């Protein structure tokens, strides 16, 4: 007889404890527990809501707990339980009875009394606590590290930095891209009731239609990802390299733009990510992609034995500052020194791949970062090292302006001589 499935709140607590130990990103932990316990879709969604609700608001929750709890030295599990309980009551607006009772039931022994008392006080003083939150400094009220807000304020403005923080505090919208490579692509009637976007290939949905996803008729993908693909503008018959391709959403869109005619080599450094990419390509009817595992921080252009490419996409690893609404824990993982280290990786990949571009060819460097150091500055330094290359155009999306994830893309061309 199999063990009963733990309730979502118990799993949320375990995810948060695992996350604090630095095991991996929160989303990976959520997926791991949801798979291990075979959670129904509804329970998996609740698990994500609980975990994200806490991680988005750690500083705010701790400010409230400073008001609610006289004990300032809480045991780790109790601290996370209180964060989880207060988040349900004051942020996620879950039914108080379930929020209090089920959270208290997760506490051990003597800690139950403390957890119960703090949560019931939070329930009673809800109005006062919400008013108190408005008086907090931005880094506490909006739960972003102070140094990160200062960094964004210098690169954009203080007002725009705070708009970005406010954007990050809300659950991310879900978008699907219609897969035109499917033998029976969805027609206009099928998507007539979906919320449109500025890109006719993308639609906003509350919940992705699971039968469409399983059949490969659509793919969950933010419209910001189209920026790099459309800037690259591959044509049928082109030979294309997607150098950092997994999980393959951009590659699949490139294949669609090419009408599944030509050749795409889609590489990634990690074999398990390559396997996932291959599964996605099979489901999405991508027939022109080859998927070797290549780590461009170590490999050289010689890996392809002299093959050169008409077009190259380098969607480089980055800080993910443009997708913090989705990767809610990134803000707590980043450190000021990280950006400099990331630019070294990005530059290494660019230098390794650049010799593979044909004369007259096009290369797009893209990130999901909002940081100038990872974007414009990396491109400028790259062009100085490679005088045969020219910057033709840059495009970007800024979440607080464009209402989609943040993205940057630079189109670079090579002289035909």
Protein backbone atom coordinates (compact mmCIF):
# COMPACT_ATOMS: atom_id res chain seq x y z
CA UNK A 1 0.00 0.00 0.00
CA UNK A 2 1.50 3.33 -1.05
CA UNK A 3 2.01 6.12 1.46
CA UNK A 4 -0.61 8.89 1.42
CA UNK A 5 0.30 12.01 -0.50
CA UNK A 6 1.47 14.78 1.86
CA UNK A 7 -0.74 17.89 1.82
CA UNK A 8 0.46 20.84 -0.22
CA UNK A 9 1.38 22.90 2.86
CA UNK A 10 3.64 20.12 4.16
CA UNK A 11 5.36 19.88 0.79
CA UNK A 12 5.68 23.67 0.63
CA UNK A 13 7.48 23.63 3.97
CA UNK A 14 9.82 20.91 2.74
CA UNK A 15 10.57 22.82 -0.48
CA UNK A 16 11.38 25.96 1.50
CA UNK A 17 13.69 24.07 3.86
CA UNK A 18 15.42 22.38 0.91
CA UNK A 19 15.74 25.72 -0.84
CA UNK A 20 17.39 27.38 2.16
CA UNK A 21 19.97 24.59 2.17
CA UNK A 22 20.87 25.72 -1.34
CA UNK A 23 19.94 22.48 -3.08
CA UNK A 24 18.64 24.09 -6.29
CA UNK A 25 16.17 26.65 -7.63
CA UNK A 26 12.70 26.71 -6.11
CA UNK A 27 10.97 25.78 -9.38
CA UNK A 28 13.13 22.66 -9.72
CA UNK A 29 12.31 21.64 -6.14
CA UNK A 30 8.59 22.16 -6.74
CA UNK A 31 8.69 20.01 -9.88
CA UNK A 32 10.74 17.36 -8.09
CA UNK A 33 8.25 17.04 -5.22
CA UNK A 34 5.22 17.23 -7.52
CA UNK A 35 6.62 14.37 -9.62
CA UNK A 36 7.75 12.27 -6.66
CA UNK A 37 4.34 12.46 -5.00
CA UNK A 38 2.37 12.35 -8.28
CA UNK A 39 0.45 15.47 -7.37
CA UNK A 40 -2.74 16.26 -9.20
CA UNK A 41 -2.55 19.45 -11.26
CA UNK A 42 -4.59 21.38 -8.67
CA UNK A 43 -2.33 20.31 -5.79
CA UNK A 44 0.83 21.10 -7.76
CA UNK A 45 -0.55 24.56 -8.52
CA UNK A 46 -1.28 25.13 -4.82
CA UNK A 47 2.23 24.00 -3.92
CA UNK A 48 3.72 26.54 -6.33
CA UNK A 49 1.42 29.31 -5.10
CA UNK A 50 2.47 28.70 -1.49
CA UNK A 51 6.21 28.51 -2.17
CA UNK A 52 6.27 31.48 -4.54
CA UNK A 53 4.07 33.50 -2.17
CA UNK A 54 6.66 33.10 0.57
CA UNK A 55 9.80 33.59 -1.53
CA UNK A 56 8.44 36.70 -3.24
CA UNK A 57 7.84 38.32 0.14
CA UNK A 58 10.55 37.18 2.55
CA UNK A 59 11.56 40.67 3.71
CA UNK A 60 7.95 41.80 4.11
CA UNK A 61 7.02 38.64 6.01
CA UNK A 62 9.98 39.06 8.35
CA UNK A 63 9.02 42.68 8.97
CA UNK A 64 5.57 41.51 10.00
CA UNK A 65 7.01 38.75 12.17
CA UNK A 66 9.17 41.31 13.97
CA UNK A 67 5.89 42.98 14.99
CA UNK A 68 4.05 39.76 15.81
CA UNK A 69 6.65 37.67 17.57
CA UNK A 70 8.68 38.61 20.65
CA UNK A 71 11.06 35.70 20.05
CA UNK A 72 13.64 37.05 17.59
CA UNK A 73 15.70 33.85 17.45
CA UNK A 74 13.39 31.35 15.81
CA UNK A 75 14.37 27.80 14.96
CA UNK A 76 14.66 27.40 11.18
CA UNK A 77 11.60 25.21 10.67
CA UNK A 78 9.44 27.42 12.90
CA UNK A 79 10.60 30.53 11.05
CA UNK A 80 9.59 29.07 7.68
CA UNK A 81 6.28 27.85 9.12
CA UNK A 82 5.47 31.34 10.36
CA UNK A 83 6.43 32.85 7.02
CA UNK A 84 4.23 30.27 5.29
CA UNK A 85 1.28 30.90 7.59
CA UNK A 86 1.45 34.70 7.49
CA UNK A 87 1.81 34.65 3.70
CA UNK A 88 -1.42 32.66 3.43
CA UNK A 89 -3.28 35.07 5.69
CA UNK A 90 -2.01 38.46 4.54
CA UNK A 91 -0.79 38.00 0.96
CA UNK A 92 -2.41 34.95 -0.62
CA UNK A 93 -5.75 35.59 1.14
CA UNK A 94 -6.44 31.92 1.79
CA UNK A 95 -9.26 30.85 4.14
CA UNK A 96 -8.02 31.61 7.69
CA UNK A 97 -9.29 28.35 9.17
CA UNK A 98 -7.24 26.21 6.76
CA UNK A 99 -4.26 28.56 6.76
CA UNK A 100 -3.96 28.52 10.55
CA UNK A 101 -4.96 24.97 11.43
CA UNK A 102 -3.04 23.17 8.69
CA UNK A 103 0.08 25.26 9.23
CA UNK A 104 -0.03 24.72 13.01
CA UNK A 105 -0.36 20.96 12.44
CA UNK A 106 3.07 20.98 10.76
CA UNK A 107 4.80 22.34 13.87
CA UNK A 108 6.54 20.05 16.35
CA UNK A 109 5.56 19.78 20.02
CA UNK A 110 5.96 23.02 21.96
CA UNK A 111 6.34 25.07 18.79
CA UNK A 112 2.66 24.53 17.97
CA UNK A 113 1.57 26.98 20.65
CA UNK A 114 3.87 29.68 19.31
CA UNK A 115 2.83 29.15 15.69
CA UNK A 116 -0.85 29.13 16.65
CA UNK A 117 -0.57 32.31 18.71
CA UNK A 118 1.36 34.26 16.07
CA UNK A 119 -0.94 33.25 13.22
CA UNK A 120 -4.12 34.03 15.13
CA UNK A 121 -2.73 37.43 16.05
CA UNK A 122 -1.87 38.03 12.39
CA UNK A 123 -5.46 37.16 11.49
CA UNK A 124 -6.85 39.58 14.10
CA UNK A 125 -4.50 42.43 13.19
CA UNK A 126 -4.68 42.03 9.43
CA UNK A 127 -5.77 45.61 8.71
CA UNK A 128 -3.09 47.13 10.94
CA UNK A 129 -0.36 44.92 9.48
CA UNK A 130 -1.27 45.79 5.89
CA UNK A 131 -1.16 49.47 6.80
CA UNK A 132 2.21 48.97 8.52
CA UNK A 133 3.58 47.41 5.31
CA UNK A 134 2.95 50.64 3.41
CA UNK A 135 5.29 52.50 5.77
CA UNK A 136 8.24 50.17 5.18
CA UNK A 137 11.22 51.11 2.99
CA UNK A 138 11.04 49.69 -0.56
CA UNK A 139 13.54 46.87 -0.04
CA UNK A 140 11.37 45.50 2.82
CA UNK A 141 7.94 46.30 1.40
CA UNK A 142 8.82 44.89 -2.04
CA UNK A 143 11.23 42.20 -0.78
CA UNK A 144 14.22 42.93 -3.00
CA UNK A 145 17.83 43.31 -1.81
CA UNK A 146 18.67 46.97 -1.26
CA UNK A 147 21.83 46.73 -3.38
CA UNK A 148 19.84 45.38 -6.34
CA UNK A 149 17.33 48.23 -6.20
CA UNK A 150 20.25 50.68 -6.11
CA UNK A 151 21.85 48.98 -9.11
CA UNK A 152 18.64 49.21 -11.15
CA UNK A 153 18.13 52.83 -10.07
CA UNK A 154 21.54 53.75 -11.47
CA UNK A 155 20.93 51.95 -14.77
CA UNK A 156 17.34 53.13 -15.28
CA UNK A 157 15.87 55.43 -12.62
CA UNK A 158 14.62 55.02 -9.07
CA UNK A 159 11.03 55.19 -10.27
CA UNK A 160 11.58 52.52 -12.91
CA UNK A 161 13.50 50.33 -10.46
CA UNK A 162 10.53 50.37 -8.09
CA UNK A 163 8.14 49.65 -10.96
CA UNK A 164 10.25 46.60 -11.78
CA UNK A 165 10.13 45.46 -8.15
CA UNK A 166 6.34 45.87 -8.14
CA UNK A 167 6.13 43.87 -11.37
CA UNK A 168 8.17 41.06 -9.83
CA UNK A 169 5.77 40.82 -6.88
CA UNK A 170 2.86 39.59 -9.00
CA UNK A 171 2.30 36.08 -10.38
CA UNK A 172 3.52 35.70 -13.94
CA UNK A 173 1.07 35.46 -16.80
CA UNK A 174 1.12 32.30 -18.89
CA UNK A 175 1.49 32.48 -22.66
CA UNK A 176 1.36 29.87 -25.38
CA UNK A 177 2.83 29.99 -28.85
CA UNK A 178 0.82 28.27 -31.56
CA UNK A 179 2.88 25.57 -33.26
CA UNK A 180 2.49 25.96 -37.03
CA UNK A 181 4.63 22.87 -37.64
CA UNK A 182 1.88 20.59 -36.36
CA UNK A 183 0.18 18.62 -39.18
CA UNK A 184 -3.13 20.12 -38.06
CA UNK A 185 -2.24 23.55 -36.64
CA UNK A 186 -4.79 25.40 -34.57
CA UNK A 187 -6.89 27.69 -36.73
CA UNK A 188 -8.32 31.11 -35.95
CA UNK A 189 -11.55 29.64 -34.62
CA UNK A 190 -9.69 27.52 -32.07
CA UNK A 191 -7.94 30.54 -30.54
CA UNK A 192 -10.74 33.06 -31.02
CA UNK A 193 -11.51 33.27 -27.30
CA UNK A 194 -7.88 33.55 -26.14
CA UNK A 195 -6.32 36.84 -25.06
CA UNK A 196 -4.18 38.19 -27.88
CA UNK A 197 -0.74 39.81 -27.62
CA UNK A 198 1.23 42.15 -29.85
CA UNK A 199 2.65 39.03 -31.53
CA UNK A 200 -0.01 37.06 -33.47
CA UNK A 201 1.74 33.77 -32.67
CA UNK A 202 1.37 34.19 -28.89
CA UNK A 203 -1.72 34.13 -26.66
CA UNK A 204 -2.22 34.68 -22.94
CA UNK A 205 -4.06 31.90 -21.11
CA UNK A 206 -5.14 31.27 -17.53
CA UNK A 207 -4.24 27.60 -17.80
CA UNK A 208 -2.52 26.07 -20.84
CA UNK A 209 -4.85 23.60 -22.61
CA UNK A 210 -3.27 20.31 -21.56
CA UNK A 211 -4.49 18.38 -24.59
CA UNK A 212 -2.98 21.00 -26.92
CA UNK A 213 0.33 20.83 -25.05
CA UNK A 214 0.46 17.04 -25.06
CA UNK A 215 -0.26 16.93 -28.79
CA UNK A 216 2.37 19.57 -29.59
CA UNK A 217 -0.17 22.02 -30.94
CA UNK A 218 1.22 24.79 -28.74
CA UNK A 219 4.16 25.49 -26.46
CA UNK A 220 4.31 27.49 -23.22
CA UNK A 221 6.51 30.47 -24.09
CA UNK A 222 6.65 34.15 -23.18
CA UNK A 223 6.35 36.62 -26.09
CA UNK A 224 9.66 38.21 -25.08
CA UNK A 225 11.45 35.11 -26.37
CA UNK A 226 10.39 36.02 -29.91
CA UNK A 227 12.59 39.14 -29.89
CA UNK A 228 15.84 37.26 -30.50
CA UNK A 229 14.31 34.87 -33.04
CA UNK A 230 12.70 37.58 -35.12
CA UNK A 231 15.85 39.69 -35.03
CA UNK A 232 17.82 36.69 -36.36
CA UNK A 233 15.14 36.16 -39.05
CA UNK A 234 16.27 32.77 -40.42
CA UNK A 235 15.14 31.79 -43.90
CA UNK A 236 14.15 28.37 -45.28
CA UNK A 237 17.29 26.52 -46.28
CA UNK A 238 19.60 28.35 -43.85
CA UNK A 239 22.17 26.53 -41.74
CA UNK A 240 21.61 27.79 -38.20
CA UNK A 241 23.39 27.28 -34.89
CA UNK A 242 21.45 27.73 -31.65
CA UNK A 243 24.37 27.58 -29.24
CA UNK A 244 22.60 27.57 -25.84
CA UNK A 245 19.36 26.01 -26.93
CA UNK A 246 17.72 24.00 -24.13
CA UNK A 247 14.86 23.56 -23.49
CA UNK A 248 14.35 24.34 -27.17
CA UNK A 249 11.53 26.88 -27.31
CA UNK A 250 13.49 29.37 -29.40
CA UNK A 251 14.87 26.59 -31.62
CA UNK A 252 11.35 25.36 -32.33
CA UNK A 253 10.27 28.88 -33.23
CA UNK A 254 13.28 29.23 -35.56
CA UNK A 255 12.32 25.92 -37.22
CA UNK A 256 8.79 27.24 -37.69
CA UNK A 257 10.12 30.46 -39.25
CA UNK A 258 12.18 28.29 -41.61
CA UNK A 259 9.22 26.10 -42.52
CA UNK A 260 11.18 23.07 -41.28
CA UNK A 261 13.52 23.52 -44.26
CA UNK A 262 17.26 23.83 -43.78
CA UNK A 263 19.40 22.71 -40.86
CA UNK A 264 19.57 23.73 -37.21
CA UNK A 265 22.24 22.50 -34.83
CA UNK A 266 20.92 23.07 -31.31
CA UNK A 267 23.52 22.57 -28.60
CA UNK A 268 23.53 22.62 -24.83
CA UNK A 269 26.20 21.82 -22.27
CA UNK A 270 24.14 19.37 -20.19
CA UNK A 271 23.08 15.98 -21.62
CA UNK A 272 19.91 15.84 -19.50
CA UNK A 273 18.83 19.19 -20.93
CA UNK A 274 19.63 17.94 -24.44
CA UNK A 275 17.37 14.95 -23.80
CA UNK A 276 14.53 17.21 -22.72
CA UNK A 277 15.09 19.34 -25.81
CA UNK A 278 14.89 16.28 -28.06
CA UNK A 279 11.59 15.29 -26.44
CA UNK A 280 10.23 18.78 -27.06
CA UNK A 281 11.32 18.72 -30.70
CA UNK A 282 9.63 15.37 -31.28
CA UNK A 283 6.38 16.60 -29.76
CA UNK A 284 6.55 19.89 -31.69
CA UNK A 285 7.31 18.20 -35.05
CA UNK A 286 10.70 19.89 -35.44
CA UNK A 287 12.48 17.75 -38.04
CA UNK A 288 15.53 19.85 -38.98
CA UNK A 289 17.29 20.06 -35.60
CA UNK A 290 20.38 18.11 -34.55
CA UNK A 291 21.18 18.11 -30.84
CA UNK A 292 24.82 17.48 -29.87
CA UNK A 293 25.89 18.23 -26.30
CA UNK A 294 28.49 21.01 -26.48
CA UNK A 295 29.85 23.14 -23.65
CA UNK A 296 30.92 26.38 -25.32
CA UNK A 297 32.89 27.48 -22.27
CA UNK A 298 35.32 24.68 -23.16
CA UNK A 299 34.71 23.82 -26.84
CA UNK A 300 36.11 25.61 -29.89
CA UNK A 301 34.86 26.16 -33.42
CA UNK A 302 36.78 23.03 -34.44
CA UNK A 303 34.04 20.91 -32.86
CA UNK A 304 32.09 21.05 -36.15
CA UNK A 305 35.04 20.30 -38.41
CA UNK A 306 34.96 23.47 -40.49
CA UNK A 307 31.17 23.82 -40.80
CA UNK A 308 30.03 27.44 -40.87
CA UNK A 309 26.61 28.92 -40.30
CA UNK A 310 24.40 31.46 -42.04
CA UNK A 311 22.90 32.51 -38.74
CA UNK A 312 23.83 31.96 -35.11
CA UNK A 313 21.78 32.49 -31.97
CA UNK A 314 23.59 32.73 -28.64
CA UNK A 315 20.94 32.91 -25.92
CA UNK A 316 23.56 33.16 -23.21
CA UNK A 317 23.30 32.12 -19.58
CA UNK A 318 22.69 35.22 -17.48
CA UNK A 319 21.48 36.66 -14.19
CA UNK A 320 17.79 36.14 -15.12
CA UNK A 321 16.91 39.62 -13.86
CA UNK A 322 14.32 39.95 -16.63
CA UNK A 323 12.37 36.90 -15.48
CA UNK A 324 12.28 37.38 -11.71
CA UNK A 325 8.50 37.24 -11.82
CA UNK A 326 8.88 33.58 -12.79
CA UNK A 327 12.17 32.76 -11.04
CA UNK A 328 11.09 34.25 -7.75
CA UNK A 329 14.16 33.16 -5.79
CA UNK A 330 16.75 34.68 -8.14
CA UNK A 331 16.71 37.96 -6.19
CA UNK A 332 17.99 36.11 -3.11
CA UNK A 333 20.62 34.12 -5.03
CA UNK A 334 22.26 37.07 -6.78
CA UNK A 335 25.27 38.86 -5.32
CA UNK A 336 26.95 42.04 -6.63
CA UNK A 337 30.00 40.12 -7.85
CA UNK A 338 27.87 37.69 -9.88
CA UNK A 339 27.43 40.00 -12.86
CA UNK A 340 31.15 40.31 -13.51
CA UNK A 341 31.55 36.53 -13.32
CA UNK A 342 28.60 36.07 -15.68
CA UNK A 343 30.09 38.40 -18.28
CA UNK A 344 33.22 36.24 -18.35
CA UNK A 345 31.10 33.20 -19.25
CA UNK A 346 29.11 35.14 -21.84
CA UNK A 347 32.27 36.51 -23.46
CA UNK A 348 33.89 33.07 -23.54
CA UNK A 349 30.87 31.63 -25.36
CA UNK A 350 30.76 34.51 -27.85
CA UNK A 351 34.47 34.18 -28.65
CA UNK A 352 34.20 30.40 -29.08
CA UNK A 353 31.24 30.60 -31.45
CA UNK A 354 32.15 33.71 -33.50
CA UNK A 355 34.52 31.89 -35.93
CA UNK A 356 31.60 29.67 -36.99
CA UNK A 357 29.76 32.58 -38.64
CA UNK A 358 29.96 32.72 -42.43
CA UNK A 359 31.05 35.93 -44.16
CA UNK A 360 27.86 37.91 -44.66
CA UNK A 361 26.16 35.97 -41.87
CA UNK A 362 24.17 37.19 -38.86
CA UNK A 363 24.64 36.48 -35.16
CA UNK A 364 22.20 37.38 -32.39
CA UNK A 365 23.40 37.62 -28.81
CA UNK A 366 20.50 37.53 -26.37
CA UNK A 367 19.80 37.29 -22.65
CA UNK A 368 16.85 37.47 -20.28
CA UNK A 369 18.80 40.02 -18.25
CA UNK A 370 18.00 43.69 -17.75
CA UNK A 371 21.55 44.52 -16.75
CA UNK A 372 23.67 46.74 -19.00
CA UNK A 373 26.83 44.95 -17.86
CA UNK A 374 25.56 41.65 -19.30
CA UNK A 375 24.04 43.20 -22.40
CA UNK A 376 25.37 46.36 -24.04
CA UNK A 377 28.76 46.19 -22.34
CA UNK A 378 29.35 42.55 -23.31
CA UNK A 379 28.43 43.34 -26.93
CA UNK A 380 30.71 46.40 -27.07
CA UNK A 381 33.68 44.46 -25.71
CA UNK A 382 32.98 41.57 -28.10
CA UNK A 383 32.97 43.87 -31.13
CA UNK A 384 36.26 45.41 -30.07
CA UNK A 385 37.81 41.93 -30.03
CA UNK A 386 36.31 41.03 -33.44
CA UNK A 387 36.73 43.96 -35.87
CA UNK A 388 35.15 42.06 -38.78
CA UNK A 389 31.81 42.15 -36.95
CA UNK A 390 29.37 45.06 -36.82
CA UNK A 391 26.42 45.84 -34.56
CA UNK A 392 23.35 46.34 -36.73
CA UNK A 393 20.47 46.61 -34.24
CA UNK A 394 19.45 45.99 -30.63
CA UNK A 395 16.01 45.29 -29.24
CA UNK A 396 14.77 44.82 -25.71
CA UNK A 397 11.65 44.35 -23.64
CA UNK A 398 11.31 45.92 -20.20
CA UNK A 399 8.64 44.29 -18.01
CA UNK A 400 7.21 47.48 -16.50
CA UNK A 401 6.84 48.99 -19.97
CA UNK A 402 6.05 46.05 -22.25
CA UNK A 403 4.13 43.86 -19.76
CA UNK A 404 6.14 40.76 -20.68
CA UNK A 405 9.39 39.24 -19.45
CA UNK A 406 12.57 41.24 -19.83
CA UNK A 407 14.82 40.40 -22.77
CA UNK A 408 17.74 41.84 -24.71
CA UNK A 409 18.95 40.97 -28.21
CA UNK A 410 21.73 42.38 -30.38
CA UNK A 411 21.99 41.65 -34.12
CA UNK A 412 25.62 41.44 -35.24
CA UNK A 413 26.69 40.93 -38.85
CA UNK A 414 29.94 39.76 -40.41
CA UNK A 415 31.52 41.46 -43.38
CA UNK A 416 31.09 39.49 -46.61
CA UNK A 417 34.74 40.09 -47.54
